Amino acid sequence: MRTVFWDESGSQLKMIDQRQLPWNFELAEFSDHREVARAITEMYVRGAPAIGAAAAFGMVLAAQESKAVNRPDLLQDLNAAAATLNAARPTAVNLAWAVARLLRVAARPGLETAAAMRDALLAEAQKLADEDVALNRRMGFNGAELIQDGDTILHHCNTGALATVDWGTALGVIFAAHEQGKKIHVLVDETRPRLQGA
């Protein structure tokens, strides 16, 4: 299951509420970009790649919420939503990058109607999420080539599937090495107070 994903049936964003982990598993549902911004601030979602994907889908929600029927009005609403989302966690580089990417798509020539812009934004957010999974898997398998049988690895912080859309970054390397049959030892510490990396 992906950490952050679009539910086509309900036209809403769903994400694992990481505040509840490890004691409970809950999926949170969002139909408003301001709710997504709050979820980012309150750490429902953690990890730069997952935050970026959540923000991208937040832009999709903003486009759906907008009553705009023409391109200029929708762009104005999207710019306002971008400011709200970017303020949710100003130091999260992936958040600002994802929001800017969606704004570039919205401004792309050829999208002359608000409906075409909405469709293009959803397609781009889905593409961004899919790219994250593919990049993390490739990083994992490339990184696993550096790990030898019998290695001991210290893993620190939030780098697994929960920090990304799926698979993980540094922890993805460990998963890939394990899949390759390498016998490794992993020392796992955590950061407090949120148990990230636990």
N, C-alpha and C. Protein backbone atom coordinates (compact mmCIF):
# COMPACT_ATOMS: atom_id res chain seq x y z
N MET A 1 0.83 -1.18 0.00
CA MET A 1 0.00 0.00 0.00
C MET A 1 0.88 1.24 0.00
N ARG A 2 0.49 2.20 -0.80
CA ARG A 2 1.23 3.46 -0.83
C ARG A 2 0.90 4.32 0.39
N THR A 3 1.86 5.10 0.79
CA THR A 3 1.69 6.00 1.92
C THR A 3 0.69 7.11 1.60
N VAL A 4 0.74 7.58 0.37
CA VAL A 4 -0.09 8.67 -0.13
C VAL A 4 -0.64 8.22 -1.47
N PHE A 5 -1.96 8.30 -1.65
CA PHE A 5 -2.52 7.87 -2.94
C PHE A 5 -3.85 8.54 -3.23
N TRP A 6 -4.17 8.60 -4.51
CA TRP A 6 -5.41 9.21 -4.97
C TRP A 6 -6.48 8.14 -5.07
N ASP A 7 -7.61 8.40 -4.46
CA ASP A 7 -8.75 7.48 -4.53
C ASP A 7 -9.68 7.97 -5.64
N GLU A 8 -9.63 7.27 -6.77
CA GLU A 8 -10.43 7.67 -7.93
C GLU A 8 -11.92 7.63 -7.63
N SER A 9 -12.34 6.64 -6.84
CA SER A 9 -13.78 6.48 -6.60
C SER A 9 -14.36 7.66 -5.83
N GLY A 10 -13.57 8.23 -4.95
CA GLY A 10 -14.08 9.34 -4.16
C GLY A 10 -13.49 10.68 -4.54
N SER A 11 -12.62 10.68 -5.55
CA SER A 11 -11.91 11.90 -5.96
C SER A 11 -11.33 12.62 -4.75
N GLN A 12 -10.55 11.86 -3.99
CA GLN A 12 -9.93 12.42 -2.79
C GLN A 12 -8.55 11.81 -2.57
N LEU A 13 -7.78 12.49 -1.75
CA LEU A 13 -6.47 12.02 -1.36
C LEU A 13 -6.61 11.17 -0.11
N LYS A 14 -5.91 10.05 -0.09
CA LYS A 14 -5.83 9.24 1.12
C LYS A 14 -4.37 9.11 1.50
N MET A 15 -4.13 9.10 2.80
CA MET A 15 -2.76 8.87 3.28
C MET A 15 -2.81 8.18 4.63
N ILE A 16 -1.75 7.45 4.90
CA ILE A 16 -1.62 6.81 6.20
C ILE A 16 -1.39 7.91 7.23
N ASP A 17 -2.17 7.89 8.30
CA ASP A 17 -1.99 8.86 9.39
C ASP A 17 -0.85 8.34 10.26
N GLN A 18 0.35 8.84 10.00
CA GLN A 18 1.54 8.32 10.68
C GLN A 18 1.61 8.72 12.15
N ARG A 19 0.78 9.64 12.57
CA ARG A 19 0.75 9.99 13.99
C ARG A 19 0.24 8.83 14.83
N GLN A 20 -0.53 7.95 14.22
CA GLN A 20 -1.15 6.83 14.93
C GLN A 20 -0.22 5.62 15.04
N LEU A 21 0.81 5.59 14.21
CA LEU A 21 1.71 4.43 14.19
C LEU A 21 2.65 4.46 15.38
N PRO A 22 3.10 3.36 15.89
CA PRO A 22 2.85 1.98 15.45
C PRO A 22 1.66 1.32 16.12
N TRP A 23 0.91 2.04 16.93
CA TRP A 23 -0.16 1.42 17.71
C TRP A 23 -1.43 1.19 16.92
N ASN A 24 -1.73 2.07 16.00
CA ASN A 24 -2.95 1.96 15.19
C ASN A 24 -2.63 2.26 13.74
N PHE A 25 -3.41 1.65 12.85
CA PHE A 25 -3.31 1.96 11.42
C PHE A 25 -4.60 2.64 10.99
N GLU A 26 -4.47 3.87 10.52
CA GLU A 26 -5.64 4.62 10.06
C GLU A 26 -5.31 5.32 8.75
N LEU A 27 -6.27 5.28 7.84
CA LEU A 27 -6.17 6.05 6.61
C LEU A 27 -6.96 7.34 6.79
N ALA A 28 -6.32 8.44 6.53
CA ALA A 28 -6.99 9.74 6.57
C ALA A 28 -7.41 10.11 5.15
N GLU A 29 -8.56 10.74 5.03
CA GLU A 29 -9.10 11.13 3.73
C GLU A 29 -9.18 12.65 3.65
N PHE A 30 -8.84 13.19 2.49
CA PHE A 30 -8.80 14.64 2.31
C PHE A 30 -9.49 15.02 1.01
N SER A 31 -10.35 16.02 1.10
CA SER A 31 -11.04 16.53 -0.09
C SER A 31 -10.84 18.03 -0.25
N ASP A 32 -9.91 18.60 0.53
CA ASP A 32 -9.68 20.04 0.53
C ASP A 32 -8.18 20.29 0.69
N HIS A 33 -7.63 21.19 -0.10
CA HIS A 33 -6.18 21.42 -0.05
C HIS A 33 -5.74 21.99 1.30
N ARG A 34 -6.63 22.73 1.97
CA ARG A 34 -6.28 23.27 3.30
C ARG A 34 -6.14 22.14 4.32
N GLU A 35 -6.95 21.11 4.18
CA GLU A 35 -6.82 19.93 5.05
C GLU A 35 -5.48 19.24 4.82
N VAL A 36 -5.06 19.18 3.57
CA VAL A 36 -3.77 18.57 3.25
C VAL A 36 -2.64 19.39 3.87
N ALA A 37 -2.73 20.71 3.77
CA ALA A 37 -1.72 21.58 4.38
C ALA A 37 -1.65 21.34 5.89
N ARG A 38 -2.81 21.23 6.52
CA ARG A 38 -2.84 20.96 7.97
C ARG A 38 -2.23 19.60 8.27
N ALA A 39 -2.53 18.60 7.45
CA ALA A 39 -1.98 17.26 7.66
C ALA A 39 -0.46 17.26 7.54
N ILE A 40 0.07 18.06 6.63
CA ILE A 40 1.52 18.17 6.49
C ILE A 40 2.11 18.83 7.73
N THR A 41 1.49 19.91 8.18
CA THR A 41 1.97 20.62 9.37
C THR A 41 1.92 19.73 10.61
N GLU A 42 0.83 18.98 10.75
CA GLU A 42 0.62 18.15 11.94
C GLU A 42 1.26 16.77 11.84
N MET A 43 2.01 16.55 10.78
CA MET A 43 2.81 15.33 10.59
C MET A 43 1.99 14.05 10.43
N TYR A 44 0.84 14.17 9.79
CA TYR A 44 0.16 12.96 9.34
C TYR A 44 1.09 12.22 8.38
N VAL A 45 1.75 13.01 7.55
CA VAL A 45 2.67 12.50 6.54
C VAL A 45 4.05 13.03 6.88
N ARG A 46 5.06 12.15 6.73
CA ARG A 46 6.43 12.50 7.09
C ARG A 46 7.36 12.01 5.99
N GLY A 47 8.49 12.63 5.89
CA GLY A 47 9.45 12.24 4.88
C GLY A 47 9.28 13.10 3.64
N ALA A 48 10.37 13.63 3.15
CA ALA A 48 10.32 14.60 2.05
C ALA A 48 9.57 14.09 0.82
N PRO A 49 9.86 12.89 0.32
CA PRO A 49 9.13 12.45 -0.88
C PRO A 49 7.63 12.30 -0.65
N ALA A 50 7.23 11.77 0.50
CA ALA A 50 5.80 11.60 0.79
C ALA A 50 5.12 12.96 0.94
N ILE A 51 5.80 13.90 1.57
CA ILE A 51 5.25 15.25 1.72
C ILE A 51 5.08 15.90 0.34
N GLY A 52 6.06 15.71 -0.53
CA GLY A 52 5.94 16.26 -1.88
C GLY A 52 4.75 15.70 -2.63
N ALA A 53 4.54 14.39 -2.54
CA ALA A 53 3.40 13.77 -3.22
C ALA A 53 2.09 14.27 -2.63
N ALA A 54 2.03 14.39 -1.31
CA ALA A 54 0.82 14.90 -0.67
C ALA A 54 0.52 16.32 -1.15
N ALA A 55 1.55 17.15 -1.26
CA ALA A 55 1.35 18.52 -1.74
C ALA A 55 0.88 18.54 -3.19
N ALA A 56 1.42 17.65 -4.02
CA ALA A 56 0.99 17.58 -5.42
C ALA A 56 -0.50 17.25 -5.49
N PHE A 57 -0.93 16.26 -4.72
CA PHE A 57 -2.35 15.93 -4.71
C PHE A 57 -3.18 17.04 -4.06
N GLY A 58 -2.57 17.78 -3.13
CA GLY A 58 -3.24 18.95 -2.57
C GLY A 58 -3.55 19.98 -3.65
N MET A 59 -2.63 20.13 -4.60
CA MET A 59 -2.88 21.05 -5.72
C MET A 59 -4.03 20.54 -6.60
N VAL A 60 -4.12 19.23 -6.77
CA VAL A 60 -5.24 18.66 -7.52
C VAL A 60 -6.55 18.98 -6.81
N LEU A 61 -6.55 18.81 -5.49
CA LEU A 61 -7.76 19.14 -4.73
C LEU A 61 -8.11 20.62 -4.87
N ALA A 62 -7.11 21.48 -4.85
CA ALA A 62 -7.37 22.91 -5.00
C ALA A 62 -8.03 23.20 -6.35
N ALA A 63 -7.58 22.51 -7.38
CA ALA A 63 -8.18 22.70 -8.71
C ALA A 63 -9.63 22.22 -8.71
N GLN A 64 -9.89 21.12 -8.02
CA GLN A 64 -11.26 20.60 -7.95
C GLN A 64 -12.16 21.51 -7.13
N GLU A 65 -11.62 22.08 -6.07
CA GLU A 65 -12.41 22.98 -5.20
C GLU A 65 -12.78 24.28 -5.91
N SER A 66 -11.91 24.72 -6.79
CA SER A 66 -12.09 26.02 -7.43
C SER A 66 -13.38 26.04 -8.26
N LYS A 67 -14.07 27.14 -8.16
CA LYS A 67 -15.29 27.35 -8.95
C LYS A 67 -14.96 27.96 -10.31
N ALA A 68 -13.68 28.16 -10.57
CA ALA A 68 -13.25 28.82 -11.81
C ALA A 68 -13.70 28.02 -13.03
N VAL A 69 -14.14 28.74 -14.03
CA VAL A 69 -14.54 28.10 -15.29
C VAL A 69 -13.59 28.49 -16.42
N ASN A 70 -12.64 29.37 -16.11
CA ASN A 70 -11.67 29.74 -17.15
C ASN A 70 -10.26 29.62 -16.60
N ARG A 71 -9.32 29.60 -17.51
CA ARG A 71 -7.91 29.40 -17.18
C ARG A 71 -7.35 30.47 -16.23
N PRO A 72 -7.52 31.77 -16.50
CA PRO A 72 -6.92 32.77 -15.60
C PRO A 72 -7.43 32.68 -14.16
N ASP A 73 -8.71 32.44 -14.00
CA ASP A 73 -9.26 32.35 -12.64
C ASP A 73 -8.74 31.11 -11.91
N LEU A 74 -8.63 30.00 -12.64
CA LEU A 74 -8.11 28.78 -12.01
C LEU A 74 -6.65 28.95 -11.64
N LEU A 75 -5.87 29.58 -12.50
CA LEU A 75 -4.46 29.85 -12.16
C LEU A 75 -4.35 30.71 -10.91
N GLN A 76 -5.22 31.68 -10.79
CA GLN A 76 -5.22 32.53 -9.59
C GLN A 76 -5.52 31.69 -8.34
N ASP A 77 -6.51 30.82 -8.42
CA ASP A 77 -6.86 29.96 -7.28
C ASP A 77 -5.72 28.99 -6.96
N LEU A 78 -5.06 28.48 -7.99
CA LEU A 78 -3.95 27.55 -7.77
C LEU A 78 -2.76 28.25 -7.12
N ASN A 79 -2.50 29.48 -7.50
CA ASN A 79 -1.41 30.22 -6.86
C ASN A 79 -1.70 30.48 -5.39
N ALA A 80 -2.95 30.75 -5.06
CA ALA A 80 -3.32 30.93 -3.65
C ALA A 80 -3.16 29.62 -2.88
N ALA A 81 -3.57 28.51 -3.49
CA ALA A 81 -3.42 27.20 -2.85
C ALA A 81 -1.94 26.85 -2.68
N ALA A 82 -1.13 27.20 -3.66
CA ALA A 82 0.31 26.94 -3.58
C ALA A 82 0.91 27.64 -2.37
N ALA A 83 0.50 28.87 -2.12
CA ALA A 83 1.00 29.61 -0.95
C ALA A 83 0.60 28.91 0.34
N THR A 84 -0.63 28.42 0.40
CA THR A 84 -1.11 27.71 1.60
C THR A 84 -0.31 26.44 1.82
N LEU A 85 -0.13 25.66 0.76
CA LEU A 85 0.60 24.39 0.89
C LEU A 85 2.07 24.63 1.22
N ASN A 86 2.70 25.58 0.55
CA ASN A 86 4.12 25.87 0.82
C ASN A 86 4.35 26.32 2.26
N ALA A 87 3.37 27.00 2.84
CA ALA A 87 3.51 27.47 4.22
C ALA A 87 3.36 26.34 5.24
N ALA A 88 2.86 25.19 4.81
CA ALA A 88 2.63 24.08 5.74
C ALA A 88 3.92 23.56 6.36
N ARG A 89 4.98 23.52 5.59
CA ARG A 89 6.29 23.11 6.10
C ARG A 89 7.34 23.79 5.22
N PRO A 90 7.67 25.04 5.53
CA PRO A 90 8.52 25.84 4.65
C PRO A 90 9.90 25.25 4.36
N THR A 91 10.40 24.39 5.23
CA THR A 91 11.74 23.83 5.01
C THR A 91 11.71 22.54 4.20
N ALA A 92 10.53 22.05 3.85
CA ALA A 92 10.41 20.79 3.10
C ALA A 92 10.63 21.06 1.61
N VAL A 93 11.81 20.75 1.13
CA VAL A 93 12.19 21.05 -0.25
C VAL A 93 11.27 20.33 -1.24
N ASN A 94 10.96 19.07 -0.99
CA ASN A 94 10.10 18.33 -1.91
C ASN A 94 8.71 18.93 -2.01
N LEU A 95 8.24 19.53 -0.94
CA LEU A 95 6.93 20.16 -0.95
C LEU A 95 6.93 21.31 -1.96
N ALA A 96 7.85 22.23 -1.83
CA ALA A 96 7.92 23.38 -2.73
C ALA A 96 8.18 22.93 -4.17
N TRP A 97 9.02 21.92 -4.34
CA TRP A 97 9.32 21.39 -5.67
C TRP A 97 8.06 20.82 -6.32
N ALA A 98 7.29 20.04 -5.58
CA ALA A 98 6.08 19.42 -6.13
C ALA A 98 5.04 20.47 -6.48
N VAL A 99 4.86 21.44 -5.60
CA VAL A 99 3.89 22.51 -5.86
C VAL A 99 4.30 23.28 -7.11
N ALA A 100 5.58 23.62 -7.24
CA ALA A 100 6.06 24.35 -8.42
C ALA A 100 5.87 23.51 -9.69
N ARG A 101 6.10 22.23 -9.59
CA ARG A 101 5.91 21.34 -10.75
C ARG A 101 4.46 21.36 -11.21
N LEU A 102 3.53 21.30 -10.27
CA LEU A 102 2.11 21.32 -10.63
C LEU A 102 1.71 22.68 -11.19
N LEU A 103 2.27 23.76 -10.66
CA LEU A 103 1.98 25.09 -11.21
C LEU A 103 2.50 25.22 -12.65
N ARG A 104 3.66 24.63 -12.93
CA ARG A 104 4.19 24.67 -14.30
C ARG A 104 3.26 23.94 -15.26
N VAL A 105 2.72 22.81 -14.81
CA VAL A 105 1.78 22.07 -15.66
C VAL A 105 0.53 22.91 -15.91
N ALA A 106 0.02 23.55 -14.88
CA ALA A 106 -1.19 24.36 -15.03
C ALA A 106 -0.97 25.51 -16.00
N ALA A 107 0.24 26.04 -16.05
CA ALA A 107 0.54 27.18 -16.91
C ALA A 107 0.96 26.75 -18.32
N ARG A 108 1.03 25.47 -18.56
CA ARG A 108 1.49 24.94 -19.85
C ARG A 108 0.57 25.40 -20.99
N PRO A 109 1.16 25.83 -22.10
CA PRO A 109 0.34 26.18 -23.26
C PRO A 109 -0.45 24.96 -23.74
N GLY A 110 -1.61 25.22 -24.28
CA GLY A 110 -2.43 24.13 -24.80
C GLY A 110 -3.53 23.70 -23.85
N LEU A 111 -3.40 24.05 -22.59
CA LEU A 111 -4.47 23.74 -21.64
C LEU A 111 -5.37 24.97 -21.55
N GLU A 112 -6.30 25.05 -22.45
CA GLU A 112 -7.08 26.27 -22.60
C GLU A 112 -8.31 26.33 -21.71
N THR A 113 -8.74 25.19 -21.19
CA THR A 113 -9.94 25.20 -20.35
C THR A 113 -9.59 24.78 -18.93
N ALA A 114 -10.43 25.17 -18.00
CA ALA A 114 -10.24 24.76 -16.60
C ALA A 114 -10.32 23.24 -16.48
N ALA A 115 -11.22 22.62 -17.23
CA ALA A 115 -11.36 21.15 -17.17
C ALA A 115 -10.09 20.47 -17.64
N ALA A 116 -9.48 20.97 -18.72
CA ALA A 116 -8.23 20.39 -19.22
C ALA A 116 -7.11 20.56 -18.20
N MET A 117 -7.09 21.70 -17.53
CA MET A 117 -6.08 21.94 -16.50
C MET A 117 -6.26 20.97 -15.34
N ARG A 118 -7.49 20.75 -14.92
CA ARG A 118 -7.75 19.83 -13.81
C ARG A 118 -7.28 18.42 -14.16
N ASP A 119 -7.60 17.97 -15.37
CA ASP A 119 -7.17 16.64 -15.81
C ASP A 119 -5.64 16.53 -15.85
N ALA A 120 -5.00 17.57 -16.37
CA ALA A 120 -3.54 17.56 -16.48
C ALA A 120 -2.88 17.56 -15.10
N LEU A 121 -3.46 18.27 -14.15
CA LEU A 121 -2.90 18.30 -12.80
C LEU A 121 -2.99 16.94 -12.13
N LEU A 122 -4.12 16.26 -12.27
CA LEU A 122 -4.24 14.93 -11.68
C LEU A 122 -3.25 13.97 -12.33
N ALA A 123 -3.13 14.02 -13.64
CA ALA A 123 -2.18 13.14 -14.34
C ALA A 123 -0.76 13.41 -13.86
N GLU A 124 -0.41 14.67 -13.66
CA GLU A 124 0.96 15.02 -13.23
C GLU A 124 1.22 14.58 -11.80
N ALA A 125 0.24 14.74 -10.92
CA ALA A 125 0.42 14.30 -9.54
C ALA A 125 0.59 12.78 -9.48
N GLN A 126 -0.19 12.06 -10.27
CA GLN A 126 -0.05 10.59 -10.33
C GLN A 126 1.34 10.23 -10.86
N LYS A 127 1.78 10.94 -11.89
CA LYS A 127 3.10 10.69 -12.48
C LYS A 127 4.20 10.94 -11.44
N LEU A 128 4.08 12.03 -10.69
CA LEU A 128 5.06 12.35 -9.65
C LEU A 128 5.13 11.22 -8.63
N ALA A 129 3.99 10.72 -8.19
CA ALA A 129 3.96 9.62 -7.21
C ALA A 129 4.58 8.35 -7.80
N ASP A 130 4.23 8.03 -9.03
CA ASP A 130 4.78 6.83 -9.68
C ASP A 130 6.29 6.95 -9.86
N GLU A 131 6.76 8.14 -10.23
CA GLU A 131 8.20 8.36 -10.38
C GLU A 131 8.93 8.16 -9.07
N ASP A 132 8.32 8.60 -7.97
CA ASP A 132 8.95 8.42 -6.67
C ASP A 132 9.18 6.94 -6.36
N VAL A 133 8.18 6.13 -6.62
CA VAL A 133 8.31 4.69 -6.38
C VAL A 133 9.42 4.12 -7.26
N ALA A 134 9.41 4.44 -8.54
CA ALA A 134 10.42 3.91 -9.47
C ALA A 134 11.83 4.36 -9.08
N LEU A 135 11.99 5.63 -8.73
CA LEU A 135 13.30 6.14 -8.34
C LEU A 135 13.81 5.48 -7.06
N ASN A 136 12.92 5.28 -6.11
CA ASN A 136 13.33 4.65 -4.86
C ASN A 136 13.72 3.19 -5.06
N ARG A 137 12.99 2.48 -5.90
CA ARG A 137 13.36 1.08 -6.18
C ARG A 137 14.72 1.03 -6.88
N ARG A 138 14.92 1.91 -7.85
CA ARG A 138 16.21 1.92 -8.56
C ARG A 138 17.34 2.28 -7.60
N MET A 139 17.11 3.28 -6.73
CA MET A 139 18.11 3.66 -5.74
C MET A 139 18.42 2.47 -4.83
N GLY A 140 17.38 1.75 -4.44
CA GLY A 140 17.56 0.59 -3.58
C GLY A 140 18.44 -0.46 -4.21
N PHE A 141 18.15 -0.81 -5.44
CA PHE A 141 18.92 -1.87 -6.09
C PHE A 141 20.33 -1.42 -6.46
N ASN A 142 20.49 -0.15 -6.84
CA ASN A 142 21.84 0.36 -7.09
C ASN A 142 22.65 0.41 -5.80
N GLY A 143 22.03 0.88 -4.73
CA GLY A 143 22.72 0.95 -3.45
C GLY A 143 23.07 -0.41 -2.89
N ALA A 144 22.22 -1.39 -3.14
CA ALA A 144 22.46 -2.75 -2.64
C ALA A 144 23.74 -3.34 -3.22
N GLU A 145 24.15 -2.86 -4.38
CA GLU A 145 25.39 -3.35 -4.98
C GLU A 145 26.61 -2.98 -4.13
N LEU A 146 26.48 -1.97 -3.29
CA LEU A 146 27.58 -1.55 -2.43
C LEU A 146 27.65 -2.33 -1.12
N ILE A 147 26.62 -3.12 -0.86
CA ILE A 147 26.55 -3.88 0.39
C ILE A 147 27.07 -5.29 0.15
N GLN A 148 27.93 -5.72 1.06
CA GLN A 148 28.52 -7.06 0.96
C GLN A 148 27.86 -8.00 1.96
N ASP A 149 27.90 -9.27 1.66
CA ASP A 149 27.43 -10.28 2.61
C ASP A 149 28.14 -10.09 3.94
N GLY A 150 27.39 -10.10 5.03
CA GLY A 150 27.99 -9.97 6.36
C GLY A 150 28.14 -8.54 6.85
N ASP A 151 27.81 -7.56 6.04
CA ASP A 151 27.93 -6.16 6.46
C ASP A 151 26.97 -5.85 7.61
N THR A 152 27.38 -4.89 8.43
CA THR A 152 26.51 -4.33 9.46
C THR A 152 26.25 -2.88 9.08
N ILE A 153 24.98 -2.51 9.11
CA ILE A 153 24.56 -1.19 8.66
C ILE A 153 23.81 -0.49 9.79
N LEU A 154 24.16 0.75 10.05
CA LEU A 154 23.41 1.57 11.00
C LEU A 154 22.40 2.38 10.19
N HIS A 155 21.14 2.18 10.50
CA HIS A 155 20.07 2.92 9.82
C HIS A 155 19.52 3.96 10.79
N HIS A 156 19.46 5.21 10.33
CA HIS A 156 18.98 6.29 11.19
C HIS A 156 17.88 7.07 10.49
N CYS A 157 16.84 7.35 11.22
CA CYS A 157 15.74 8.24 10.86
C CYS A 157 14.74 7.57 9.94
N ASN A 158 13.99 8.39 9.24
CA ASN A 158 12.80 7.97 8.53
C ASN A 158 13.11 7.84 7.04
N THR A 159 13.53 6.66 6.60
CA THR A 159 13.92 6.49 5.20
C THR A 159 13.23 5.31 4.54
N GLY A 160 12.22 4.76 5.18
CA GLY A 160 11.53 3.61 4.62
C GLY A 160 10.34 4.01 3.78
N ALA A 161 9.48 3.05 3.53
CA ALA A 161 8.32 3.27 2.67
C ALA A 161 7.42 4.38 3.19
N LEU A 162 7.35 4.57 4.50
CA LEU A 162 6.48 5.61 5.06
C LEU A 162 7.00 7.02 4.77
N ALA A 163 8.27 7.15 4.49
CA ALA A 163 8.85 8.46 4.19
C ALA A 163 8.72 8.83 2.72
N THR A 164 8.32 7.86 1.93
CA THR A 164 8.20 8.05 0.49
C THR A 164 6.79 7.64 0.08
N VAL A 165 6.52 7.61 -1.19
CA VAL A 165 5.23 7.10 -1.64
C VAL A 165 5.18 5.60 -1.41
N ASP A 166 6.30 4.93 -1.62
CA ASP A 166 6.43 3.49 -1.38
C ASP A 166 7.90 3.11 -1.52
N TRP A 167 8.31 2.06 -0.88
CA TRP A 167 9.62 1.42 -0.96
C TRP A 167 10.65 2.04 -0.02
N GLY A 168 10.99 3.29 -0.16
CA GLY A 168 11.96 3.91 0.73
C GLY A 168 13.27 4.26 0.06
N THR A 169 14.05 5.10 0.73
CA THR A 169 15.34 5.54 0.19
C THR A 169 16.45 4.68 0.80
N ALA A 170 17.05 5.10 1.89
CA ALA A 170 18.14 4.32 2.49
C ALA A 170 17.65 2.95 2.96
N LEU A 171 16.46 2.89 3.53
CA LEU A 171 15.93 1.59 3.94
C LEU A 171 15.61 0.73 2.73
N GLY A 172 15.29 1.36 1.61
CA GLY A 172 15.08 0.63 0.36
C GLY A 172 16.34 -0.11 -0.08
N VAL A 173 17.50 0.47 0.19
CA VAL A 173 18.78 -0.20 -0.11
C VAL A 173 18.89 -1.48 0.72
N ILE A 174 18.52 -1.38 1.98
CA ILE A 174 18.57 -2.55 2.87
C ILE A 174 17.58 -3.61 2.41
N PHE A 175 16.37 -3.20 2.03
CA PHE A 175 15.38 -4.15 1.52
C PHE A 175 15.91 -4.86 0.28
N ALA A 176 16.50 -4.09 -0.63
CA ALA A 176 17.01 -4.68 -1.88
C ALA A 176 18.14 -5.66 -1.60
N ALA A 177 19.03 -5.32 -0.67
CA ALA A 177 20.12 -6.23 -0.32
C ALA A 177 19.56 -7.53 0.25
N HIS A 178 18.54 -7.41 1.07
CA HIS A 178 17.89 -8.60 1.63
C HIS A 178 17.25 -9.44 0.52
N GLU A 179 16.57 -8.78 -0.42
CA GLU A 179 15.96 -9.49 -1.54
C GLU A 179 17.00 -10.22 -2.37
N GLN A 180 18.22 -9.68 -2.42
CA GLN A 180 19.30 -10.31 -3.17
C GLN A 180 19.94 -11.46 -2.38
N GLY A 181 19.42 -11.73 -1.19
CA GLY A 181 19.91 -12.85 -0.39
C GLY A 181 21.14 -12.54 0.44
N LYS A 182 21.50 -11.28 0.55
CA LYS A 182 22.67 -10.92 1.34
C LYS A 182 22.33 -11.02 2.82
N LYS A 183 23.24 -11.61 3.57
CA LYS A 183 23.08 -11.75 5.02
C LYS A 183 23.71 -10.52 5.66
N ILE A 184 22.87 -9.63 6.12
CA ILE A 184 23.34 -8.38 6.70
C ILE A 184 22.74 -8.19 8.08
N HIS A 185 23.39 -7.37 8.87
CA HIS A 185 22.89 -6.98 10.18
C HIS A 185 22.55 -5.49 10.10
N VAL A 186 21.39 -5.14 10.62
CA VAL A 186 20.96 -3.75 10.57
C VAL A 186 20.69 -3.28 12.00
N LEU A 187 21.36 -2.21 12.38
CA LEU A 187 21.13 -1.57 13.66
C LEU A 187 20.18 -0.40 13.40
N VAL A 188 19.03 -0.43 14.06
CA VAL A 188 17.99 0.56 13.79
C VAL A 188 17.80 1.43 15.02
N ASP A 189 18.10 2.71 14.88
CA ASP A 189 17.80 3.64 15.97
C ASP A 189 16.59 4.47 15.54
N GLU A 190 16.23 5.42 16.35
CA GLU A 190 15.05 6.22 16.04
C GLU A 190 15.25 7.63 16.52
N THR A 191 14.46 8.53 15.97
CA THR A 191 14.50 9.91 16.43
C THR A 191 13.27 10.19 17.27
N ARG A 192 13.44 10.98 18.29
CA ARG A 192 12.34 11.30 19.19
C ARG A 192 11.89 12.73 18.95
N PRO A 193 10.69 13.09 19.24
CA PRO A 193 9.69 12.33 19.99
C PRO A 193 8.76 11.51 19.11
N ARG A 194 8.95 11.52 17.82
CA ARG A 194 7.97 10.94 16.90
C ARG A 194 8.27 9.51 16.48
N LEU A 195 9.29 8.90 17.03
CA LEU A 195 9.66 7.52 16.72
C LEU A 195 9.98 7.32 15.24
N GLN A 196 10.43 8.34 14.55
CA GLN A 196 10.79 8.19 13.15
C GLN A 196 12.01 7.30 13.04
N GLY A 197 11.92 6.32 12.17
CA GLY A 197 13.00 5.37 11.99
C GLY A 197 12.84 4.15 12.84
N ALA A 198 11.85 4.15 13.73
CA ALA A 198 11.64 3.01 14.62
C ALA A 198 11.10 1.82 13.87
